Amino acid sequence: MTLAAVVAVSSNDGIGMNGDLPWHLPGDLRRFRKLTLGHAVIVGHLTQESIVGRLGRPLPDRHTVMLTRNRDAADSDVVVATSPRDAAAIAARHRRLHGQSQAFVIGGATVYRAMLPMCTRIFLTRVHAVTVADTFMPGGWLDGFMRRTKEDGVDSASGLAFSFEVWQRNA
């Protein structure tokens, strides 16, 4: 199984501010939806709370696996995993049952730190701006990966420059 991370980072490796993204890039949200729709996603407790706070429910049409130490943290639409290995196994089971080739790690920082060693691919949106953030990717998080593709763009509403990149773990 391919376990892939999907992450958007600023030039200073920021990924969040006050439980939300520090920017609004509709193109990035569309890419995220297209990549993850119908697949298993592995998410941390705080990120899941942020999603439910924004949408009023877990991500629609995804199989959400929440990585947390608190077995009672989830509702009926979310499966709880208490270790990275368990989260990967639950996602792999879903992938096999639905004939999919990959599952996705979607954050937050603690979950990325725990799951990146198991990831073979990263779908990265690089926001070309230094942003105010309180949550960051761990140092050296791209070590062992090589960029395979890069597509540059500019958000018409905000003027933010960004790149959609795909990184692959070195053999």
N, C-alpha and C. Protein backbone atom coordinates (compact mmCIF):
# COMPACT_ATOMS: atom_id res chain seq x y z
N MET A 1 0.84 -1.18 0.00
CA MET A 1 0.00 0.00 0.00
C MET A 1 0.88 1.23 0.00
N THR A 2 0.46 2.21 -0.76
CA THR A 2 1.10 3.50 -0.70
C THR A 2 0.41 4.33 0.36
N LEU A 3 1.20 4.79 1.31
CA LEU A 3 0.70 5.73 2.29
C LEU A 3 1.30 7.07 1.91
N ALA A 4 0.44 8.03 1.63
CA ALA A 4 0.88 9.34 1.15
C ALA A 4 0.43 10.42 2.12
N ALA A 5 1.30 11.40 2.31
CA ALA A 5 0.93 12.58 3.09
C ALA A 5 0.42 13.65 2.15
N VAL A 6 -0.59 14.37 2.58
CA VAL A 6 -1.08 15.55 1.85
C VAL A 6 -0.90 16.71 2.81
N VAL A 7 -0.12 17.70 2.39
CA VAL A 7 0.19 18.80 3.30
C VAL A 7 0.41 20.08 2.51
N ALA A 8 -0.01 21.19 3.09
CA ALA A 8 0.27 22.52 2.54
C ALA A 8 1.14 23.23 3.56
N VAL A 9 2.27 23.79 3.10
CA VAL A 9 3.20 24.46 4.00
C VAL A 9 3.60 25.81 3.43
N SER A 10 3.87 26.73 4.33
CA SER A 10 4.39 28.04 3.93
C SER A 10 5.90 27.96 3.80
N SER A 11 6.51 29.04 3.36
CA SER A 11 7.97 29.08 3.19
C SER A 11 8.71 28.83 4.50
N ASN A 12 8.08 29.12 5.63
CA ASN A 12 8.69 28.87 6.93
C ASN A 12 8.18 27.57 7.56
N ASP A 13 7.67 26.65 6.73
CA ASP A 13 7.16 25.33 7.13
C ASP A 13 5.96 25.40 8.07
N GLY A 14 5.25 26.53 8.08
CA GLY A 14 4.03 26.65 8.86
C GLY A 14 2.90 25.88 8.19
N ILE A 15 2.08 25.23 9.02
CA ILE A 15 0.92 24.49 8.49
C ILE A 15 -0.39 24.89 9.14
N GLY A 16 -0.32 25.63 10.25
CA GLY A 16 -1.56 25.98 10.93
C GLY A 16 -1.44 27.18 11.83
N MET A 17 -2.60 27.80 12.07
CA MET A 17 -2.68 28.92 13.00
C MET A 17 -4.03 28.85 13.69
N ASN A 18 -3.99 28.72 15.01
CA ASN A 18 -5.22 28.65 15.81
C ASN A 18 -6.17 27.56 15.31
N GLY A 19 -5.62 26.40 14.97
CA GLY A 19 -6.44 25.27 14.55
C GLY A 19 -6.98 25.35 13.14
N ASP A 20 -6.47 26.24 12.33
CA ASP A 20 -6.94 26.39 10.96
C ASP A 20 -5.75 26.63 10.04
N LEU A 21 -6.00 26.61 8.74
CA LEU A 21 -4.96 26.94 7.78
C LEU A 21 -4.68 28.44 7.82
N PRO A 22 -3.43 28.85 7.66
CA PRO A 22 -3.11 30.28 7.70
C PRO A 22 -3.40 31.01 6.39
N TRP A 23 -4.04 30.37 5.44
CA TRP A 23 -4.34 30.95 4.13
C TRP A 23 -5.61 30.31 3.61
N HIS A 24 -6.14 30.86 2.54
CA HIS A 24 -7.29 30.26 1.86
C HIS A 24 -6.93 30.14 0.38
N LEU A 25 -6.71 28.91 -0.06
CA LEU A 25 -6.38 28.63 -1.45
C LEU A 25 -7.39 27.63 -2.01
N PRO A 26 -8.43 28.12 -2.69
CA PRO A 26 -9.46 27.22 -3.22
C PRO A 26 -8.88 26.10 -4.11
N GLY A 27 -7.85 26.40 -4.88
CA GLY A 27 -7.25 25.38 -5.74
C GLY A 27 -6.63 24.25 -4.94
N ASP A 28 -6.03 24.60 -3.81
CA ASP A 28 -5.45 23.58 -2.93
C ASP A 28 -6.55 22.73 -2.32
N LEU A 29 -7.65 23.34 -1.92
CA LEU A 29 -8.76 22.58 -1.36
C LEU A 29 -9.37 21.63 -2.39
N ARG A 30 -9.46 22.08 -3.63
CA ARG A 30 -9.97 21.20 -4.71
C ARG A 30 -9.02 20.03 -4.94
N ARG A 31 -7.72 20.30 -4.93
CA ARG A 31 -6.73 19.23 -5.10
C ARG A 31 -6.83 18.22 -3.96
N PHE A 32 -6.93 18.72 -2.74
CA PHE A 32 -7.07 17.86 -1.57
C PHE A 32 -8.30 16.96 -1.71
N ARG A 33 -9.41 17.54 -2.09
CA ARG A 33 -10.65 16.77 -2.24
C ARG A 33 -10.50 15.71 -3.32
N LYS A 34 -9.93 16.09 -4.46
CA LYS A 34 -9.77 15.15 -5.57
C LYS A 34 -8.86 13.98 -5.17
N LEU A 35 -7.79 14.27 -4.46
CA LEU A 35 -6.86 13.22 -4.04
C LEU A 35 -7.49 12.27 -3.04
N THR A 36 -8.21 12.80 -2.06
CA THR A 36 -8.63 11.99 -0.91
C THR A 36 -10.03 11.42 -1.01
N LEU A 37 -10.85 11.91 -1.91
CA LEU A 37 -12.25 11.47 -1.98
C LEU A 37 -12.33 9.95 -2.13
N GLY A 38 -13.11 9.32 -1.26
CA GLY A 38 -13.32 7.89 -1.30
C GLY A 38 -12.24 7.06 -0.63
N HIS A 39 -11.17 7.70 -0.18
CA HIS A 39 -10.04 6.99 0.41
C HIS A 39 -10.06 7.09 1.93
N ALA A 40 -9.21 6.28 2.56
CA ALA A 40 -8.97 6.40 3.99
C ALA A 40 -8.04 7.58 4.23
N VAL A 41 -8.35 8.37 5.25
CA VAL A 41 -7.50 9.48 5.67
C VAL A 41 -7.16 9.29 7.14
N ILE A 42 -5.90 9.54 7.48
CA ILE A 42 -5.43 9.44 8.86
C ILE A 42 -5.23 10.85 9.37
N VAL A 43 -5.87 11.14 10.48
CA VAL A 43 -5.94 12.50 11.00
C VAL A 43 -5.77 12.48 12.51
N GLY A 44 -5.22 13.54 13.06
CA GLY A 44 -5.11 13.68 14.50
C GLY A 44 -6.37 14.26 15.11
N HIS A 45 -6.44 14.17 16.44
CA HIS A 45 -7.62 14.61 17.16
C HIS A 45 -7.91 16.09 16.95
N LEU A 46 -6.90 16.95 17.07
CA LEU A 46 -7.14 18.39 16.93
C LEU A 46 -7.53 18.76 15.50
N THR A 47 -6.89 18.12 14.53
CA THR A 47 -7.25 18.39 13.13
C THR A 47 -8.68 17.93 12.86
N GLN A 48 -9.05 16.78 13.42
CA GLN A 48 -10.42 16.29 13.25
C GLN A 48 -11.42 17.25 13.88
N GLU A 49 -11.10 17.78 15.06
CA GLU A 49 -11.99 18.76 15.69
C GLU A 49 -12.13 20.00 14.81
N SER A 50 -11.05 20.43 14.19
CA SER A 50 -11.09 21.59 13.30
C SER A 50 -11.98 21.32 12.10
N ILE A 51 -11.87 20.13 11.53
CA ILE A 51 -12.69 19.76 10.36
C ILE A 51 -14.17 19.74 10.76
N VAL A 52 -14.47 19.09 11.86
CA VAL A 52 -15.87 19.01 12.32
C VAL A 52 -16.39 20.40 12.69
N GLY A 53 -15.53 21.22 13.27
CA GLY A 53 -15.93 22.59 13.58
C GLY A 53 -16.28 23.40 12.34
N ARG A 54 -15.56 23.16 11.26
CA ARG A 54 -15.80 23.89 10.02
C ARG A 54 -16.97 23.30 9.23
N LEU A 55 -17.03 21.97 9.15
CA LEU A 55 -18.04 21.31 8.31
C LEU A 55 -19.26 20.82 9.08
N GLY A 56 -19.12 20.69 10.39
CA GLY A 56 -20.21 20.13 11.18
C GLY A 56 -20.24 18.61 11.18
N ARG A 57 -19.24 17.98 10.57
CA ARG A 57 -19.15 16.52 10.47
C ARG A 57 -17.76 16.16 9.97
N PRO A 58 -17.40 14.87 10.03
CA PRO A 58 -16.12 14.46 9.44
C PRO A 58 -16.13 14.70 7.93
N LEU A 59 -14.96 14.64 7.33
CA LEU A 59 -14.88 14.82 5.88
C LEU A 59 -15.82 13.87 5.18
N PRO A 60 -16.68 14.37 4.31
CA PRO A 60 -17.62 13.48 3.62
C PRO A 60 -16.91 12.58 2.62
N ASP A 61 -17.44 11.39 2.46
CA ASP A 61 -16.97 10.43 1.46
C ASP A 61 -15.51 10.04 1.64
N ARG A 62 -15.05 10.03 2.89
CA ARG A 62 -13.73 9.50 3.25
C ARG A 62 -13.92 8.57 4.44
N HIS A 63 -13.00 7.65 4.59
CA HIS A 63 -12.96 6.76 5.75
C HIS A 63 -11.94 7.36 6.71
N THR A 64 -12.41 8.03 7.76
CA THR A 64 -11.53 8.76 8.67
C THR A 64 -11.01 7.85 9.77
N VAL A 65 -9.69 7.80 9.88
CA VAL A 65 -9.01 7.09 10.95
C VAL A 65 -8.34 8.16 11.81
N MET A 66 -8.78 8.29 13.05
CA MET A 66 -8.22 9.31 13.93
C MET A 66 -7.16 8.68 14.83
N LEU A 67 -5.95 9.18 14.72
CA LEU A 67 -4.83 8.72 15.54
C LEU A 67 -4.82 9.53 16.83
N THR A 68 -5.14 8.87 17.93
CA THR A 68 -5.22 9.52 19.23
C THR A 68 -5.03 8.48 20.32
N ARG A 69 -4.59 8.92 21.49
CA ARG A 69 -4.46 8.02 22.63
C ARG A 69 -5.81 7.81 23.32
N ASN A 70 -6.79 8.65 23.02
CA ASN A 70 -8.09 8.61 23.67
C ASN A 70 -9.07 7.77 22.84
N ARG A 71 -9.29 6.54 23.24
CA ARG A 71 -10.19 5.64 22.50
C ARG A 71 -11.63 6.15 22.42
N ASP A 72 -12.03 7.02 23.33
CA ASP A 72 -13.40 7.52 23.37
C ASP A 72 -13.57 8.84 22.63
N ALA A 73 -12.57 9.27 21.88
CA ALA A 73 -12.57 10.60 21.27
C ALA A 73 -13.44 10.72 20.02
N ALA A 74 -13.75 9.64 19.38
CA ALA A 74 -14.41 9.71 18.07
C ALA A 74 -15.91 9.49 18.17
N ASP A 75 -16.57 9.92 17.10
CA ASP A 75 -18.00 9.61 16.98
C ASP A 75 -18.14 8.38 16.09
N SER A 76 -19.35 8.03 15.74
CA SER A 76 -19.60 6.79 15.00
C SER A 76 -19.08 6.82 13.57
N ASP A 77 -18.77 8.00 13.04
CA ASP A 77 -18.27 8.09 11.66
C ASP A 77 -16.76 8.03 11.56
N VAL A 78 -16.07 7.84 12.68
CA VAL A 78 -14.62 7.87 12.72
C VAL A 78 -14.12 6.63 13.44
N VAL A 79 -13.06 6.02 12.91
CA VAL A 79 -12.41 4.88 13.55
C VAL A 79 -11.20 5.41 14.32
N VAL A 80 -11.04 4.96 15.56
CA VAL A 80 -9.91 5.41 16.38
C VAL A 80 -8.78 4.40 16.29
N ALA A 81 -7.56 4.92 16.12
CA ALA A 81 -6.34 4.12 16.19
C ALA A 81 -5.46 4.75 17.26
N THR A 82 -4.84 3.92 18.08
CA THR A 82 -4.04 4.45 19.18
C THR A 82 -2.54 4.40 18.91
N SER A 83 -2.15 3.92 17.74
CA SER A 83 -0.73 3.92 17.37
C SER A 83 -0.62 4.14 15.87
N PRO A 84 0.52 4.66 15.42
CA PRO A 84 0.72 4.82 13.97
C PRO A 84 0.58 3.51 13.21
N ARG A 85 1.10 2.44 13.77
CA ARG A 85 1.00 1.12 13.10
C ARG A 85 -0.45 0.70 12.96
N ASP A 86 -1.26 0.90 14.01
CA ASP A 86 -2.69 0.57 13.94
C ASP A 86 -3.41 1.43 12.90
N ALA A 87 -3.08 2.72 12.87
CA ALA A 87 -3.71 3.62 11.89
C ALA A 87 -3.39 3.16 10.46
N ALA A 88 -2.14 2.81 10.22
CA ALA A 88 -1.75 2.33 8.88
C ALA A 88 -2.46 1.03 8.54
N ALA A 89 -2.61 0.13 9.51
CA ALA A 89 -3.28 -1.15 9.27
C ALA A 89 -4.76 -0.95 8.96
N ILE A 90 -5.42 -0.08 9.70
CA ILE A 90 -6.84 0.20 9.46
C ILE A 90 -7.02 0.81 8.07
N ALA A 91 -6.15 1.76 7.71
CA ALA A 91 -6.22 2.37 6.38
C ALA A 91 -5.95 1.35 5.29
N ALA A 92 -5.01 0.44 5.51
CA ALA A 92 -4.70 -0.61 4.52
C ALA A 92 -5.88 -1.55 4.32
N ARG A 93 -6.55 -1.89 5.42
CA ARG A 93 -7.73 -2.75 5.33
C ARG A 93 -8.82 -2.08 4.48
N HIS A 94 -9.05 -0.81 4.73
CA HIS A 94 -10.05 -0.06 3.94
C HIS A 94 -9.64 -0.02 2.48
N ARG A 95 -8.38 0.23 2.22
CA ARG A 95 -7.86 0.30 0.86
C ARG A 95 -8.11 -1.02 0.12
N ARG A 96 -7.78 -2.13 0.78
CA ARG A 96 -7.98 -3.45 0.14
C ARG A 96 -9.46 -3.71 -0.12
N LEU A 97 -10.31 -3.41 0.85
CA LEU A 97 -11.75 -3.65 0.68
C LEU A 97 -12.35 -2.85 -0.47
N HIS A 98 -11.77 -1.70 -0.76
CA HIS A 98 -12.33 -0.81 -1.78
C HIS A 98 -11.47 -0.72 -3.04
N GLY A 99 -10.47 -1.59 -3.16
CA GLY A 99 -9.65 -1.65 -4.36
C GLY A 99 -8.86 -0.38 -4.64
N GLN A 100 -8.37 0.26 -3.60
CA GLN A 100 -7.64 1.51 -3.78
C GLN A 100 -6.15 1.27 -3.65
N SER A 101 -5.37 2.17 -4.24
CA SER A 101 -3.93 2.00 -4.22
C SER A 101 -3.24 2.76 -3.09
N GLN A 102 -3.94 3.70 -2.46
CA GLN A 102 -3.28 4.47 -1.41
C GLN A 102 -4.27 4.99 -0.38
N ALA A 103 -3.69 5.38 0.76
CA ALA A 103 -4.39 6.07 1.83
C ALA A 103 -3.59 7.32 2.13
N PHE A 104 -4.20 8.26 2.85
CA PHE A 104 -3.60 9.57 3.02
C PHE A 104 -3.48 9.98 4.48
N VAL A 105 -2.34 10.57 4.82
CA VAL A 105 -2.11 11.20 6.11
C VAL A 105 -2.38 12.69 5.89
N ILE A 106 -3.30 13.27 6.69
CA ILE A 106 -3.70 14.66 6.42
C ILE A 106 -3.45 15.60 7.59
N GLY A 107 -2.73 15.16 8.62
CA GLY A 107 -2.33 16.09 9.68
C GLY A 107 -3.02 15.83 10.99
N GLY A 108 -2.63 16.59 11.93
CA GLY A 108 -1.72 17.71 12.06
C GLY A 108 -0.28 17.31 12.26
N ALA A 109 0.46 18.24 12.86
CA ALA A 109 1.90 18.12 12.98
C ALA A 109 2.33 16.85 13.71
N THR A 110 1.66 16.51 14.79
CA THR A 110 2.02 15.30 15.53
C THR A 110 1.79 14.06 14.70
N VAL A 111 0.71 14.03 13.94
CA VAL A 111 0.41 12.88 13.09
C VAL A 111 1.41 12.81 11.93
N TYR A 112 1.74 13.95 11.33
CA TYR A 112 2.77 13.93 10.29
C TYR A 112 4.07 13.37 10.84
N ARG A 113 4.48 13.85 12.01
CA ARG A 113 5.73 13.39 12.62
C ARG A 113 5.70 11.87 12.82
N ALA A 114 4.59 11.35 13.28
CA ALA A 114 4.47 9.91 13.56
C ALA A 114 4.36 9.06 12.30
N MET A 115 3.68 9.59 11.28
CA MET A 115 3.36 8.78 10.10
C MET A 115 4.33 8.95 8.92
N LEU A 116 5.05 10.07 8.85
CA LEU A 116 5.94 10.30 7.71
C LEU A 116 6.94 9.18 7.47
N PRO A 117 7.49 8.54 8.52
CA PRO A 117 8.41 7.42 8.25
C PRO A 117 7.78 6.27 7.46
N MET A 118 6.45 6.16 7.50
CA MET A 118 5.74 5.11 6.76
C MET A 118 5.28 5.57 5.38
N CYS A 119 5.35 6.87 5.11
CA CYS A 119 4.87 7.41 3.84
C CYS A 119 5.90 7.20 2.73
N THR A 120 5.40 6.88 1.56
CA THR A 120 6.28 6.75 0.39
C THR A 120 6.11 7.91 -0.58
N ARG A 121 5.10 8.72 -0.36
CA ARG A 121 4.81 9.84 -1.26
C ARG A 121 4.26 11.01 -0.44
N ILE A 122 4.55 12.22 -0.92
CA ILE A 122 4.00 13.43 -0.30
C ILE A 122 3.41 14.29 -1.42
N PHE A 123 2.14 14.63 -1.27
CA PHE A 123 1.48 15.60 -2.14
C PHE A 123 1.56 16.93 -1.39
N LEU A 124 2.44 17.80 -1.86
CA LEU A 124 2.78 19.02 -1.15
C LEU A 124 2.26 20.24 -1.91
N THR A 125 1.58 21.11 -1.20
CA THR A 125 1.29 22.44 -1.71
C THR A 125 2.23 23.38 -0.97
N ARG A 126 3.13 23.98 -1.71
CA ARG A 126 4.09 24.91 -1.12
C ARG A 126 3.57 26.33 -1.36
N VAL A 127 3.21 27.01 -0.28
CA VAL A 127 2.74 28.38 -0.35
C VAL A 127 3.98 29.28 -0.26
N HIS A 128 4.21 30.06 -1.31
CA HIS A 128 5.43 30.87 -1.40
C HIS A 128 5.27 32.19 -0.65
N ALA A 129 5.11 32.06 0.67
CA ALA A 129 5.00 33.22 1.54
C ALA A 129 5.36 32.77 2.95
N VAL A 130 5.93 33.66 3.71
CA VAL A 130 6.15 33.41 5.13
C VAL A 130 4.85 33.79 5.82
N THR A 131 4.29 32.86 6.56
CA THR A 131 3.01 33.12 7.21
C THR A 131 3.17 33.06 8.73
N VAL A 132 2.29 33.74 9.41
CA VAL A 132 2.23 33.63 10.86
C VAL A 132 1.57 32.29 11.16
N ALA A 133 2.27 31.46 11.91
CA ALA A 133 1.76 30.12 12.21
C ALA A 133 2.14 29.73 13.63
N ASP A 134 1.35 28.85 14.21
CA ASP A 134 1.70 28.29 15.52
C ASP A 134 1.94 26.79 15.44
N THR A 135 1.80 26.23 14.25
CA THR A 135 2.03 24.80 14.03
C THR A 135 2.91 24.65 12.79
N PHE A 136 3.94 23.82 12.92
CA PHE A 136 4.93 23.68 11.87
C PHE A 136 5.23 22.21 11.57
N MET A 137 5.71 21.94 10.37
CA MET A 137 6.21 20.61 10.06
C MET A 137 7.50 20.40 10.83
N PRO A 138 7.80 19.14 11.18
CA PRO A 138 9.03 18.88 11.93
C PRO A 138 10.27 19.12 11.07
N GLY A 139 11.36 19.49 11.71
CA GLY A 139 12.61 19.71 10.99
C GLY A 139 13.01 18.46 10.21
N GLY A 140 13.55 18.66 9.01
CA GLY A 140 14.02 17.55 8.19
C GLY A 140 12.93 16.66 7.62
N TRP A 141 11.71 17.15 7.58
CA TRP A 141 10.57 16.30 7.19
C TRP A 141 10.64 15.82 5.75
N LEU A 142 11.38 16.48 4.89
CA LEU A 142 11.51 16.02 3.49
C LEU A 142 12.76 15.18 3.27
N ASP A 143 13.55 14.96 4.32
CA ASP A 143 14.73 14.11 4.19
C ASP A 143 14.32 12.73 3.71
N GLY A 144 15.03 12.21 2.74
CA GLY A 144 14.73 10.88 2.20
C GLY A 144 13.73 10.90 1.06
N PHE A 145 13.22 12.09 0.70
CA PHE A 145 12.27 12.23 -0.41
C PHE A 145 12.91 13.04 -1.53
N MET A 146 12.45 12.81 -2.74
CA MET A 146 12.92 13.57 -3.90
C MET A 146 11.70 14.11 -4.65
N ARG A 147 11.77 15.39 -5.04
CA ARG A 147 10.66 15.98 -5.77
C ARG A 147 10.60 15.36 -7.16
N ARG A 148 9.40 14.92 -7.55
CA ARG A 148 9.17 14.31 -8.87
C ARG A 148 8.46 15.25 -9.83
N THR A 149 7.52 16.03 -9.31
CA THR A 149 6.80 16.97 -10.18
C THR A 149 6.59 18.28 -9.45
N LYS A 150 6.42 19.34 -10.23
CA LYS A 150 6.15 20.67 -9.67
C LYS A 150 5.34 21.46 -10.68
N GLU A 151 4.26 22.05 -10.20
CA GLU A 151 3.38 22.87 -11.03
C GLU A 151 3.12 24.17 -10.28
N ASP A 152 3.55 25.30 -10.84
CA ASP A 152 3.42 26.60 -10.18
C ASP A 152 2.09 27.25 -10.52
N GLY A 153 1.60 28.08 -9.59
CA GLY A 153 0.38 28.81 -9.82
C GLY A 153 0.29 30.03 -8.92
N VAL A 154 -0.71 30.85 -9.17
CA VAL A 154 -1.00 32.02 -8.34
C VAL A 154 -2.50 32.05 -8.11
N ASP A 155 -2.90 32.18 -6.85
CA ASP A 155 -4.32 32.26 -6.52
C ASP A 155 -4.85 33.63 -6.95
N SER A 156 -5.88 33.64 -7.79
CA SER A 156 -6.38 34.90 -8.34
C SER A 156 -6.99 35.81 -7.28
N ALA A 157 -7.60 35.26 -6.25
CA ALA A 157 -8.25 36.09 -5.23
C ALA A 157 -7.24 36.69 -4.25
N SER A 158 -6.31 35.89 -3.76
CA SER A 158 -5.39 36.36 -2.73
C SER A 158 -4.06 36.86 -3.29
N GLY A 159 -3.72 36.43 -4.50
CA GLY A 159 -2.42 36.77 -5.07
C GLY A 159 -1.29 35.90 -4.56
N LEU A 160 -1.61 34.91 -3.73
CA LEU A 160 -0.57 34.03 -3.20
C LEU A 160 -0.02 33.11 -4.29
N ALA A 161 1.30 33.08 -4.39
CA ALA A 161 1.96 32.14 -5.29
C ALA A 161 2.11 30.81 -4.56
N PHE A 162 2.00 29.71 -5.30
CA PHE A 162 2.10 28.38 -4.71
C PHE A 162 2.64 27.41 -5.75
N SER A 163 3.03 26.25 -5.29
CA SER A 163 3.42 25.15 -6.17
C SER A 163 2.75 23.89 -5.69
N PHE A 164 2.22 23.12 -6.62
CA PHE A 164 1.76 21.76 -6.32
C PHE A 164 2.94 20.85 -6.67
N GLU A 165 3.39 20.09 -5.68
CA GLU A 165 4.55 19.23 -5.87
C GLU A 165 4.19 17.81 -5.44
N VAL A 166 4.87 16.84 -6.06
CA VAL A 166 4.77 15.44 -5.62
C VAL A 166 6.19 14.99 -5.30
N TRP A 167 6.37 14.49 -4.10
CA TRP A 167 7.64 13.99 -3.63
C TRP A 167 7.54 12.49 -3.42
N GLN A 168 8.59 11.77 -3.77
CA GLN A 168 8.62 10.30 -3.66
C GLN A 168 9.80 9.92 -2.77
N ARG A 169 9.60 8.92 -1.93
CA ARG A 169 10.70 8.44 -1.08
C ARG A 169 11.77 7.84 -1.97
N ASN A 170 13.01 8.16 -1.66
CA ASN A 170 14.14 7.58 -2.39
C ASN A 170 14.19 6.08 -2.16
N ALA A 171 14.60 5.35 -3.16
CA ALA A 171 14.65 3.88 -3.06
C ALA A 171 15.72 3.40 -2.11
